[in-house]
PDB file of N, CA and C in Angstrom:
ATOM      1  N   UNK A   1      73.341  93.951 134.520  1.00  0.00           N
ATOM      2  CA  UNK A   1      72.079  93.948 134.436  1.00  0.00           C
ATOM      3  C   UNK A   1      72.261  94.657 133.142  1.00  0.00           C
ATOM      4  N   UNK A   2      73.054  94.638 132.501  1.00  0.00           N
ATOM      5  CA  UNK A   2      73.145  95.263 130.935  1.00  0.00           C
ATOM      6  C   UNK A   2      72.656  94.014 129.979  1.00  0.00           C
ATOM      7  N   UNK A   3      72.313  94.342 128.973  1.00  0.00           N
ATOM      8  CA  UNK A   3      71.310  93.136 128.476  1.00  0.00           C
ATOM      9  C   UNK A   3      72.368  92.728 127.722  1.00  0.00           C
ATOM     10  N   UNK A   4      72.208  91.305 127.772  1.00  0.00           N
ATOM     11  CA  UNK A   4      73.201  89.637 127.569  1.00  0.00           C
ATOM     12  C   UNK A   4      74.538  89.987 128.588  1.00  0.00           C
ATOM     13  N   UNK A   5      74.597  90.481 129.445  1.00  0.00           N
ATOM     14  CA  UNK A   5      75.380  90.422 130.662  1.00  0.00           C
ATOM     15  C   UNK A   5      74.974  89.331 131.497  1.00  0.00           C
ATOM     16  N   UNK A   6      74.533  88.505 131.838  1.00  0.00           N
ATOM     17  CA  UNK A   6      74.112  87.382 132.589  1.00  0.00           C
ATOM     18  C   UNK A   6      74.318  86.508 131.261  1.00  0.00           C
ATOM     19  N   UNK A   7      73.940  86.277 130.353  1.00  0.00           N
ATOM     20  CA  UNK A   7      74.182  84.747 129.240  1.00  0.00           C
ATOM     21  C   UNK A   7      75.788  85.418 128.933  1.00  0.00           C
ATOM     22  N   UNK A   8      76.471  86.298 129.147  1.00  0.00           N
ATOM     23  CA  UNK A   8      77.312  86.789 128.603  1.00  0.00           C
ATOM     24  C   UNK A   8      78.489  85.756 130.253  1.00  0.00           C
ATOM     25  N   UNK A   9      77.979  86.318 131.393  1.00  0.00           N
ATOM     26  CA  UNK A   9      78.939  85.617 132.512  1.00  0.00           C
ATOM     27  C   UNK A   9      78.393  84.113 132.232  1.00  0.00           C
ATOM     28  N   UNK A  10      77.172  83.354 131.683  1.00  0.00           N
ATOM     29  CA  UNK A  10      77.714  81.542 131.814  1.00  0.00           C
ATOM     30  C   UNK A  10      78.084  81.723 130.908  1.00  0.00           C
ATOM     31  N   UNK A  11      78.633  81.928 129.567  1.00  0.00           N
ATOM     32  CA  UNK A  11      79.046  81.624 128.811  1.00  0.00           C
ATOM     33  C   UNK A  11      80.562  81.351 129.131  1.00  0.00           C
ATOM     34  N   UNK A  12      80.956  82.450 130.079  1.00  0.00           N
ATOM     35  CA  UNK A  12      82.323  82.491 129.945  1.00  0.00           C
ATOM     36  C   UNK A  12      82.741  81.424 131.359  1.00  0.00           C
ATOM     37  N   UNK A  13      81.446  81.297 132.269  1.00  0.00           N
ATOM     38  CA  UNK A  13      81.586  80.332 133.059  1.00  0.00           C
ATOM     39  C   UNK A  13      82.079  78.755 132.728  1.00  0.00           C
ATOM     40  N   UNK A  14      81.343  78.280 131.802  1.00  0.00           N
ATOM     41  CA  UNK A  14      80.965  77.446 131.022  1.00  0.00           C
ATOM     42  C   UNK A  14      82.223  76.793 130.478  1.00  0.00           C
ATOM     43  N   UNK A  15      82.980  78.137 129.577  1.00  0.00           N
ATOM     44  CA  UNK A  15      83.916  77.931 128.832  1.00  0.00           C
ATOM     45  C   UNK A  15      85.568  77.693 129.845  1.00  0.00           C
ATOM     46  N   UNK A  16      85.440  77.994 131.391  1.00  0.00           N
ATOM     47  CA  UNK A  16      86.728  78.042 131.806  1.00  0.00           C
ATOM     48  C   UNK A  16      86.341  76.932 133.247  1.00  0.00           C
ATOM     49  N   UNK A  17      85.488  76.757 133.998  1.00  0.00           N
ATOM     50  CA  UNK A  17      84.892  76.287 135.058  1.00  0.00           C
ATOM     51  C   UNK A  17      85.740  74.715 135.484  1.00  0.00           C
ATOM     52  N   UNK A  18      86.636  74.559 135.847  1.00  0.00           N
ATOM     53  CA  UNK A  18      87.360  73.746 136.642  1.00  0.00           C
ATOM     54  C   UNK A  18      88.471  73.402 135.602  1.00  0.00           C
ATOM     55  N   UNK A  19      89.136  74.442 134.835  1.00  0.00           N
ATOM     56  CA  UNK A  19      89.524  74.529 133.921  1.00  0.00           C
ATOM     57  C   UNK A  19      91.053  75.225 134.334  1.00  0.00           C
ATOM     58  N   UNK A  20      91.923  74.844 134.159  1.00  0.00           N
ATOM     59  CA  UNK A  20      93.303  75.967 134.823  1.00  0.00           C
ATOM     60  C   UNK A  20      93.513  77.104 133.204  1.00  0.00           C
ATOM     61  N   UNK A  21      93.488  78.060 133.687  1.00  0.00           N
ATOM     62  CA  UNK A  21      93.716  79.390 132.801  1.00  0.00           C
ATOM     63  C   UNK A  21      95.092  80.226 132.962  1.00  0.00           C
ATOM     64  N   UNK A  22      95.920  80.681 132.445  1.00  0.00           N
ATOM     65  CA  UNK A  22      96.464  81.695 132.548  1.00  0.00           C
ATOM     66  C   UNK A  22      96.493  82.877 132.064  1.00  0.00           C
ATOM     67  N   UNK A  23      96.352  83.495 133.010  1.00  0.00           N
ATOM     68  CA  UNK A  23      96.638  85.217 132.983  1.00  0.00           C
ATOM     69  C   UNK A  23      98.075  85.780 132.504  1.00  0.00           C
ATOM     70  N   UNK A  24      97.792  86.531 131.625  1.00  0.00           N
ATOM     71  CA  UNK A  24      99.107  87.336 131.424  1.00  0.00           C
ATOM     72  C   UNK A  24      98.935  88.881 131.428  1.00  0.00           C
ATOM     73  N   UNK A  25      99.081  89.390 132.421  1.00  0.00           N
ATOM     74  CA  UNK A  25      98.654  91.120 132.324  1.00  0.00           C
ATOM     75  C   UNK A  25      99.691  91.632 132.284  1.00  0.00           C
ATOM     76  N   UNK A  26      98.936  92.646 131.638  1.00  0.00           N
ATOM     77  CA  UNK A  26      99.872  94.248 131.153  1.00  0.00           C
ATOM     78  C   UNK A  26     100.327  95.048 132.462  1.00  0.00           C
ATOM     79  N   UNK A  27      99.451  95.778 132.777  1.00  0.00           N
ATOM     80  CA  UNK A  27      99.355  96.412 133.965  1.00  0.00           C
ATOM     81  C   UNK A  27      97.686  96.491 134.889  1.00  0.00           C
ATOM     82  N   UNK A  28      97.944  97.668 135.965  1.00  0.00           N
ATOM     83  CA  UNK A  28      96.579  97.886 136.643  1.00  0.00           C
ATOM     84  C   UNK A  28      96.408  98.981 136.580  1.00  0.00           C
ATOM     85  N   UNK A  29      94.712  99.250 135.702  1.00  0.00           N
ATOM     86  CA  UNK A  29      94.005 100.217 135.577  1.00  0.00           C
ATOM     87  C   UNK A  29      93.730 101.411 137.390  1.00  0.00           C
ATOM     88  N   UNK A  30      92.889 101.823 137.062  1.00  0.00           N
ATOM     89  CA  UNK A  30      93.215 103.425 138.042  1.00  0.00           C
ATOM     90  C   UNK A  30      91.980 103.182 138.819  1.00  0.00           C
ATOM     91  N   UNK A  31      91.156 102.144 138.472  1.00  0.00           N
ATOM     92  CA  UNK A  31      89.672 102.276 139.444  1.00  0.00           C
ATOM     93  C   UNK A  31      89.784 100.597 140.861  1.00  0.00           C
ATOM     94  N   UNK A  32      89.061 101.087 141.613  1.00  0.00           N
ATOM     95  CA  UNK A  32      89.022 100.271 142.756  1.00  0.00           C
ATOM     96  C   UNK A  32      87.546  99.168 142.585  1.00  0.00           C
ATOM     97  N   UNK A  33      87.733  98.206 143.512  1.00  0.00           N
ATOM     98  CA  UNK A  33      86.947  97.174 143.177  1.00  0.00           C
ATOM     99  C   UNK A  33      87.085  96.037 144.127  1.00  0.00           C
ATOM    100  N   UNK A  34      85.839  95.768 145.227  1.00  0.00           N
ATOM    101  CA  UNK A  34      85.559  94.929 145.729  1.00  0.00           C
ATOM    102  C   UNK A  34      85.746  93.338 145.530  1.00  0.00           C
ATOM    103  N   UNK A  35      86.315  92.937 146.449  1.00  0.00           N
ATOM    104  CA  UNK A  35      86.166  91.339 146.202  1.00  0.00           C
ATOM    105  C   UNK A  35      85.230  90.474 146.898  1.00  0.00           C
ATOM    106  N   UNK A  36      84.921  89.537 146.636  1.00  0.00           N
ATOM    107  CA  UNK A  36      84.008  88.620 146.945  1.00  0.00           C
ATOM    108  C   UNK A  36      83.972  88.963 148.866  1.00  0.00           C
ATOM    109  N   UNK A  37      85.138  89.227 149.558  1.00  0.00           N
ATOM    110  CA  UNK A  37      84.687  89.206 150.796  1.00  0.00           C
ATOM    111  C   UNK A  37      84.465  90.726 151.115  1.00  0.00           C
ATOM    112  N   UNK A  38      84.000  91.490 150.359  1.00  0.00           N
ATOM    113  CA  UNK A  38      83.801  92.908 150.242  1.00  0.00           C
ATOM    114  C   UNK A  38      84.800  94.145 150.615  1.00  0.00           C
ATOM    115  N   UNK A  39      86.307  93.710 150.501  1.00  0.00           N
ATOM    116  CA  UNK A  39      87.352  94.184 150.803  1.00  0.00           C
ATOM    117  C   UNK A  39      87.851  95.140 149.395  1.00  0.00           C
ATOM    118  N   UNK A  40      88.194  96.134 149.739  1.00  0.00           N
ATOM    119  CA  UNK A  40      88.316  97.153 148.436  1.00  0.00           C
ATOM    120  C   UNK A  40      89.902  97.114 148.121  1.00  0.00           C
ATOM    121  N   UNK A  41      90.328  96.781 146.250  1.00  0.00           N
ATOM    122  CA  UNK A  41      91.490  96.977 146.189  1.00  0.00           C
ATOM    123  C   UNK A  41      91.567  97.923 145.040  1.00  0.00           C
ATOM    124  N   UNK A  42      92.665  98.351 145.196  1.00  0.00           N
ATOM    125  CA  UNK A  42      93.161  99.076 143.935  1.00  0.00           C
ATOM    126  C   UNK A  42      93.619  98.643 142.860  1.00  0.00           C
ATOM    127  N   UNK A  43      93.025  99.051 142.043  1.00  0.00           N
ATOM    128  CA  UNK A  43      93.479  98.846 140.541  1.00  0.00           C
ATOM    129  C   UNK A  43      93.086  97.527 139.933  1.00  0.00           C
ATOM    130  N   UNK A  44      92.206  97.483 138.833  1.00  0.00           N
ATOM    131  CA  UNK A  44      91.719  96.000 137.928  1.00  0.00           C
ATOM    132  C   UNK A  44      93.047  95.539 137.411  1.00  0.00           C
ATOM    133  N   UNK A  45      93.433  94.492 137.000  1.00  0.00           N
ATOM    134  CA  UNK A  45      94.133  93.750 135.924  1.00  0.00           C
ATOM    135  C   UNK A  45      93.914  93.606 134.641  1.00  0.00           C
ATOM    136  N   UNK A  46      94.291  94.687 133.731  1.00  0.00           N
ATOM    137  CA  UNK A  46      94.382  94.638 132.213  1.00  0.00           C
ATOM    138  C   UNK A  46      95.510  93.918 131.842  1.00  0.00           C
ATOM    139  N   UNK A  47      94.811  92.395 131.085  1.00  0.00           N
ATOM    140  CA  UNK A  47      95.490  91.843 130.240  1.00  0.00           C
ATOM    141  C   UNK A  47      94.890  90.923 129.693  1.00  0.00           C
ATOM    142  N   UNK A  48      95.060  89.626 129.605  1.00  0.00           N
ATOM    143  CA  UNK A  48      94.499  88.760 128.700  1.00  0.00           C
ATOM    144  C   UNK A  48      94.465  87.005 129.355  1.00  0.00           C
ATOM    145  N   UNK A  49      93.348  86.145 129.142  1.00  0.00           N
ATOM    146  CA  UNK A  49      93.301  85.232 129.955  1.00  0.00           C
ATOM    147  C   UNK A  49      93.499  84.280 128.781  1.00  0.00           C
ATOM    148  N   UNK A  50      94.114  83.145 128.968  1.00  0.00           N
ATOM    149  CA  UNK A  50      94.231  82.012 128.183  1.00  0.00           C
ATOM    150  C   UNK A  50      93.879  80.216 128.556  1.00  0.00           C
ATOM    151  N   UNK A  51      93.368  79.879 127.421  1.00  0.00           N
ATOM    152  CA  UNK A  51      92.625  78.450 128.177  1.00  0.00           C
ATOM    153  C   UNK A  51      93.254  77.449 127.325  1.00  0.00           C
ATOM    154  N   UNK A  52      94.402  76.793 127.773  1.00  0.00           N
ATOM    155  CA  UNK A  52      95.575  76.502 127.073  1.00  0.00           C
ATOM    156  C   UNK A  52      96.464  77.182 126.230  1.00  0.00           C
ATOM    157  N   UNK A  53      96.294  77.023 124.861  1.00  0.00           N
ATOM    158  CA  UNK A  53      96.499  78.572 123.949  1.00  0.00           C
ATOM    159  C   UNK A  53      95.595  79.209 123.098  1.00  0.00           C
ATOM    160  N   UNK A  54      94.263  79.166 123.786  1.00  0.00           N
ATOM    161  CA  UNK A  54      93.447  79.843 123.207  1.00  0.00           C
ATOM    162  C   UNK A  54      93.447  81.280 124.037  1.00  0.00           C
ATOM    163  N   UNK A  55      92.875  82.215 123.616  1.00  0.00           N
ATOM    164  CA  UNK A  55      92.675  83.801 123.850  1.00  0.00           C
ATOM    165  C   UNK A  55      90.863  83.910 124.487  1.00  0.00           C
ATOM    166  N   UNK A  56      90.936  83.530 125.709  1.00  0.00           N
ATOM    167  CA  UNK A  56      89.199  83.699 126.214  1.00  0.00           C
ATOM    168  C   UNK A  56      88.825  84.881 126.085  1.00  0.00           C
ATOM    169  N   UNK A  57      89.690  85.848 126.173  1.00  0.00           N
ATOM    170  CA  UNK A  57      88.979  87.450 125.193  1.00  0.00           C
ATOM    171  C   UNK A  57      88.734  87.408 124.264  1.00  0.00           C
ATOM    172  N   UNK A  58      89.312  86.800 123.107  1.00  0.00           N
ATOM    173  CA  UNK A  58      88.958  86.840 121.940  1.00  0.00           C
ATOM    174  C   UNK A  58      87.478  85.861 121.750  1.00  0.00           C
ATOM    175  N   UNK A  59      87.827  84.697 122.158  1.00  0.00           N
ATOM    176  CA  UNK A  59      86.812  83.622 122.004  1.00  0.00           C
ATOM    177  C   UNK A  59      85.774  84.255 122.336  1.00  0.00           C
ATOM    178  N   UNK A  60      84.918  85.114 123.819  1.00  0.00           N
ATOM    179  CA  UNK A  60      83.744  85.679 123.953  1.00  0.00           C
ATOM    180  C   UNK A  60      83.753  87.159 123.180  1.00  0.00           C
ATOM    181  N   UNK A  61      84.710  87.772 122.581  1.00  0.00           N
ATOM    182  CA  UNK A  61      84.319  88.766 121.778  1.00  0.00           C
ATOM    183  C   UNK A  61      83.602  87.547 120.479  1.00  0.00           C
ATOM    184  N   UNK A  62      84.257  86.637 119.903  1.00  0.00           N
ATOM    185  CA  UNK A  62      84.235  86.165 118.598  1.00  0.00           C
ATOM    186  C   UNK A  62      82.786  85.551 118.717  1.00  0.00           C
ATOM    187  N   UNK A  63      82.194  85.335 120.200  1.00  0.00           N
ATOM    188  CA  UNK A  63      80.776  84.971 120.189  1.00  0.00           C
ATOM    189  C   UNK A  63      79.653  85.494 120.465  1.00  0.00           C
ATOM    190  N   UNK A  64      80.071  86.791 120.435  1.00  0.00           N
ATOM    191  CA  UNK A  64      79.179  87.772 120.511  1.00  0.00           C
ATOM    192  C   UNK A  64      78.784  88.466 122.152  1.00  0.00           C
ATOM    193  N   UNK A  65      79.589  87.342 123.325  1.00  0.00           N
ATOM    194  CA  UNK A  65      79.104  87.551 124.533  1.00  0.00           C
ATOM    195  C   UNK A  65      80.740  88.596 125.179  1.00  0.00           C
ATOM    196  N   UNK A  66      81.403  89.501 124.501  1.00  0.00           N
ATOM    197  CA  UNK A  66      81.755  90.283 124.903  1.00  0.00           C
ATOM    198  C   UNK A  66      82.569  91.364 123.916  1.00  0.00           C
ATOM    199  N   UNK A  67      82.739  92.626 124.332  1.00  0.00           N
ATOM    200  CA  UNK A  67      83.358  93.742 123.148  1.00  0.00           C
ATOM    201  C   UNK A  67      84.661  94.012 123.096  1.00  0.00           C
ATOM    202  N   UNK A  68      85.076  94.428 122.365  1.00  0.00           N
ATOM    203  CA  UNK A  68      86.185  94.792 121.954  1.00  0.00           C
ATOM    204  C   UNK A  68      86.688  96.147 122.739  1.00  0.00           C
ATOM    205  N   UNK A  69      87.136  96.241 123.284  1.00  0.00           N
ATOM    206  CA  UNK A  69      87.397  97.916 123.808  1.00  0.00           C
ATOM    207  C   UNK A  69      88.421  98.163 123.343  1.00  0.00           C
ATOM    208  N   UNK A  70      88.038  99.289 121.810  1.00  0.00           N
ATOM    209  CA  UNK A  70      89.255  99.605 121.259  1.00  0.00           C
ATOM    210  C   UNK A  70      90.079 100.713 121.833  1.00  0.00           C
ATOM    211  N   UNK A  71      89.355 101.240 122.724  1.00  0.00           N
ATOM    212  CA  UNK A  71      90.207 102.703 123.354  1.00  0.00           C
ATOM    213  C   UNK A  71      91.269 102.048 124.155  1.00  0.00           C
ATOM    214  N   UNK A  72      91.205 100.756 124.614  1.00  0.00           N
ATOM    215  CA  UNK A  72      92.546  99.994 124.993  1.00  0.00           C
ATOM    216  C   UNK A  72      93.319  99.092 124.455  1.00  0.00           C
ATOM    217  N   UNK A  73      92.670  98.235 123.790  1.00  0.00           N
ATOM    218  CA  UNK A  73      93.485  96.944 123.131  1.00  0.00           C
ATOM    219  C   UNK A  73      93.303  97.635 121.766  1.00  0.00           C
ATOM    220  N   UNK A  74      94.457  97.654 121.338  1.00  0.00           N
ATOM    221  CA  UNK A  74      94.274  97.662 119.585  1.00  0.00           C
ATOM    222  C   UNK A  74      94.630  96.437 118.882  1.00  0.00           C
ATOM    223  N   UNK A  75      94.443  94.970 119.563  1.00  0.00           N
ATOM    224  CA  UNK A  75      94.770  93.566 119.036  1.00  0.00           C
ATOM    225  C   UNK A  75      93.391  93.605 117.500  1.00  0.00           C
ATOM    226  N   UNK A  76      94.567  93.537 116.684  1.00  0.00           N
ATOM    227  CA  UNK A  76      93.815  93.112 115.424  1.00  0.00           C
ATOM    228  C   UNK A  76      92.870  91.931 115.288  1.00  0.00           C
ATOM    229  N   UNK A  77      93.330  90.685 115.936  1.00  0.00           N
ATOM    230  CA  UNK A  77      92.784  89.310 116.213  1.00  0.00           C
ATOM    231  C   UNK A  77      91.195  89.519 116.898  1.00  0.00           C
ATOM    232  N   UNK A  78      91.081  90.503 117.701  1.00  0.00           N
ATOM    233  CA  UNK A  78      89.934  90.900 118.795  1.00  0.00           C
ATOM    234  C   UNK A  78      89.530  92.085 117.743  1.00  0.00           C
ATOM    235  N   UNK A  79      89.643  92.386 116.863  1.00  0.00           N
ATOM    236  CA  UNK A  79      88.810  93.478 115.831  1.00  0.00           C
ATOM    237  C   UNK A  79      88.323  92.217 115.189  1.00  0.00           C
ATOM    238  N   UNK A  80      88.930  91.583 114.542  1.00  0.00           N
ATOM    239  CA  UNK A  80      88.385  90.896 113.008  1.00  0.00           C
ATOM    240  C   UNK A  80      87.291  90.219 113.967  1.00  0.00           C
ATOM    241  N   UNK A  81      87.895  89.373 114.966  1.00  0.00           N
ATOM    242  CA  UNK A  81      86.519  88.066 116.147  1.00  0.00           C
ATOM    243  C   UNK A  81      85.451  89.342 116.014  1.00  0.00           C
ATOM    244  N   UNK A  82      85.177  90.833 116.491  1.00  0.00           N
ATOM    245  CA  UNK A  82      83.940  91.008 116.883  1.00  0.00           C
ATOM    246  C   UNK A  82      83.849  91.269 114.994  1.00  0.00           C
ATOM    247  N   UNK A  83      84.306  92.178 114.123  1.00  0.00           N
ATOM    248  CA  UNK A  83      83.582  92.206 112.962  1.00  0.00           C
ATOM    249  C   UNK A  83      82.813  90.828 112.594  1.00  0.00           C
ATOM    250  N   UNK A  84      83.322  89.762 112.758  1.00  0.00           N
ATOM    251  CA  UNK A  84      82.865  88.490 112.724  1.00  0.00           C
ATOM    252  C   UNK A  84      81.801  88.126 113.127  1.00  0.00           C
ATOM    253  N   UNK A  85      81.805  88.279 114.607  1.00  0.00           N
ATOM    254  CA  UNK A  85      80.389  87.999 115.519  1.00  0.00           C
ATOM    255  C   UNK A  85      78.933  89.212 114.982  1.00  0.00           C
ATOM    256  N   UNK A  86      79.523  90.876 114.652  1.00  0.00           N
ATOM    257  CA  UNK A  86      78.838  91.365 113.988  1.00  0.00           C
ATOM    258  C   UNK A  86      77.820  91.380 113.107  1.00  0.00           C
ATOM    259  N   UNK A  87      78.852  90.325 111.908  1.00  0.00           N
ATOM    260  CA  UNK A  87      78.302  90.092 110.654  1.00  0.00           C
ATOM    261  C   UNK A  87      77.283  88.997 110.226  1.00  0.00           C
ATOM    262  N   UNK A  88      77.513  87.793 111.816  1.00  0.00           N
ATOM    263  CA  UNK A  88      76.668  86.949 111.685  1.00  0.00           C
ATOM    264  C   UNK A  88      75.710  86.809 112.969  1.00  0.00           C
ATOM    265  N   UNK A  89      75.614  88.091 113.792  1.00  0.00           N
ATOM    266  CA  UNK A  89      74.911  88.197 114.537  1.00  0.00           C
ATOM    267  C   UNK A  89      74.787  87.722 115.712  1.00  0.00           C
ATOM    268  N   UNK A  90      75.966  87.248 116.069  1.00  0.00           N
ATOM    269  CA  UNK A  90      76.145  86.236 117.169  1.00  0.00           C
ATOM    270  C   UNK A  90      75.907  87.110 118.222  1.00  0.00           C
ATOM    271  N   UNK A  91      75.451  86.352 119.616  1.00  0.00           N
ATOM    272  CA  UNK A  91      75.477  86.871 120.927  1.00  0.00           C
ATOM    273  C   UNK A  91      74.575  88.481 121.039  1.00  0.00           C
ATOM    274  N   UNK A  92      75.400  89.534 121.851  1.00  0.00           N
ATOM    275  CA  UNK A  92      74.868  90.455 122.238  1.00  0.00           C
ATOM    276  C   UNK A  92      74.040  91.428 120.579  1.00  0.00           C
ATOM    277  N   UNK A  93      75.462  90.980 119.425  1.00  0.00           N
ATOM    278  CA  UNK A  93      75.373  91.395 118.201  1.00  0.00           C
ATOM    279  C   UNK A  93      73.350  91.434 117.106  1.00  0.00           C
ATOM    280  N   UNK A  94      72.736  90.041 118.587  1.00  0.00           N
ATOM    281  CA  UNK A  94      71.401  89.656 117.973  1.00  0.00           C
ATOM    282  C   UNK A  94      70.966  90.862 118.020  1.00  0.00           C
ATOM    283  N   UNK A  95      71.114  91.943 118.893  1.00  0.00           N
ATOM    284  CA  UNK A  95      70.009  93.219 119.460  1.00  0.00           C
ATOM    285  C   UNK A  95      70.632  94.122 118.610  1.00  0.00           C
ATOM    286  N   UNK A  96      69.073  94.696 118.243  1.00  0.00           N
ATOM    287  CA  UNK A  96      69.597  95.879 116.923  1.00  0.00           C
ATOM    288  C   UNK A  96      70.181  97.358 117.095  1.00  0.00           C
ATOM    289  N   UNK A  97      70.584  97.235 118.628  1.00  0.00           N
ATOM    290  CA  UNK A  97      71.231  98.252 118.871  1.00  0.00           C
ATOM    291  C   UNK A  97      71.886  98.482 120.274  1.00  0.00           C
ATOM    292  N   UNK A  98      73.115  97.326 120.427  1.00  0.00           N
ATOM    293  CA  UNK A  98      73.648  96.967 121.496  1.00  0.00           C
ATOM    294  C   UNK A  98      74.559  98.514 121.987  1.00  0.00           C
ATOM    295  N   UNK A  99      74.263  98.113 123.214  1.00  0.00           N
ATOM    296  CA  UNK A  99      75.119  99.698 123.974  1.00  0.00           C
ATOM    297  C   UNK A  99      76.271  98.880 124.413  1.00  0.00           C
ATOM    298  N   UNK A 100      77.830  99.701 124.481  1.00  0.00           N
ATOM    299  CA  UNK A 100      78.759  99.559 124.871  1.00  0.00           C
ATOM    300  C   UNK A 100      79.053  99.449 126.665  1.00  0.00           C
ATOM    301  N   UNK A 101      79.421  98.529 126.980  1.00  0.00           N
ATOM    302  CA  UNK A 101      79.220  98.866 128.334  1.00  0.00           C
ATOM    303  C   UNK A 101      79.870  99.512 129.306  1.00  0.00           C
ATOM    304  N   UNK A 102      81.245 100.385 128.145  1.00  0.00           N
ATOM    305  CA  UNK A 102      81.479 101.504 129.289  1.00  0.00           C
ATOM    306  C   UNK A 102      80.645 102.750 128.915  1.00  0.00           C
ATOM    307  N   UNK A 103      79.463 102.593 128.006  1.00  0.00           N
ATOM    308  CA  UNK A 103      78.328 103.661 127.931  1.00  0.00           C
ATOM    309  C   UNK A 103      77.168 103.125 129.073  1.00  0.00           C
ATOM    310  N   UNK A 104      76.986 101.788 129.075  1.00  0.00           N
ATOM    311  CA  UNK A 104      75.984 101.316 129.435  1.00  0.00           C
ATOM    312  C   UNK A 104      76.573 102.238 131.217  1.00  0.00           C
ATOM    313  N   UNK A 105      77.768 101.982 131.430  1.00  0.00           N
ATOM    314  CA  UNK A 105      77.999 102.527 133.283  1.00  0.00           C
ATOM    315  C   UNK A 105      77.929 103.454 133.474  1.00  0.00           C
ATOM    316  N   UNK A 106      78.320 104.731 132.611  1.00  0.00           N
ATOM    317  CA  UNK A 106      77.752 106.066 132.599  1.00  0.00           C
ATOM    318  C   UNK A 106      76.016 105.851 132.666  1.00  0.00           C
ATOM    319  N   UNK A 107      75.420 105.667 132.248  1.00  0.00           N
ATOM    320  CA  UNK A 107      73.631 105.548 132.947  1.00  0.00           C
ATOM    321  C   UNK A 107      73.411 105.667 133.839  1.00  0.00           C
TER     322      UNK A 107
END
């Protein structure tokens, strides 16, 4: 329900649907999550998704469809992508006061 959430999901879907992606993961976090069959799993995977040799994570941020979560990611290419999206007011940056998802969830 977060502003631009549905648009972001659609952008990601269009980017990767029916394509093979590679997921490189670093670790699992402490949070539980529900699978599509409503079973609870422990730990979400933290890492990167690649389509061919392009980072899907970075591309989404560059398009203004996702945030760079600097508390966990120090990837400077994603920082540059977010700065570019902000400068050009792409996607969520078209909003005058966008709320980061980690703050939105606390509401």
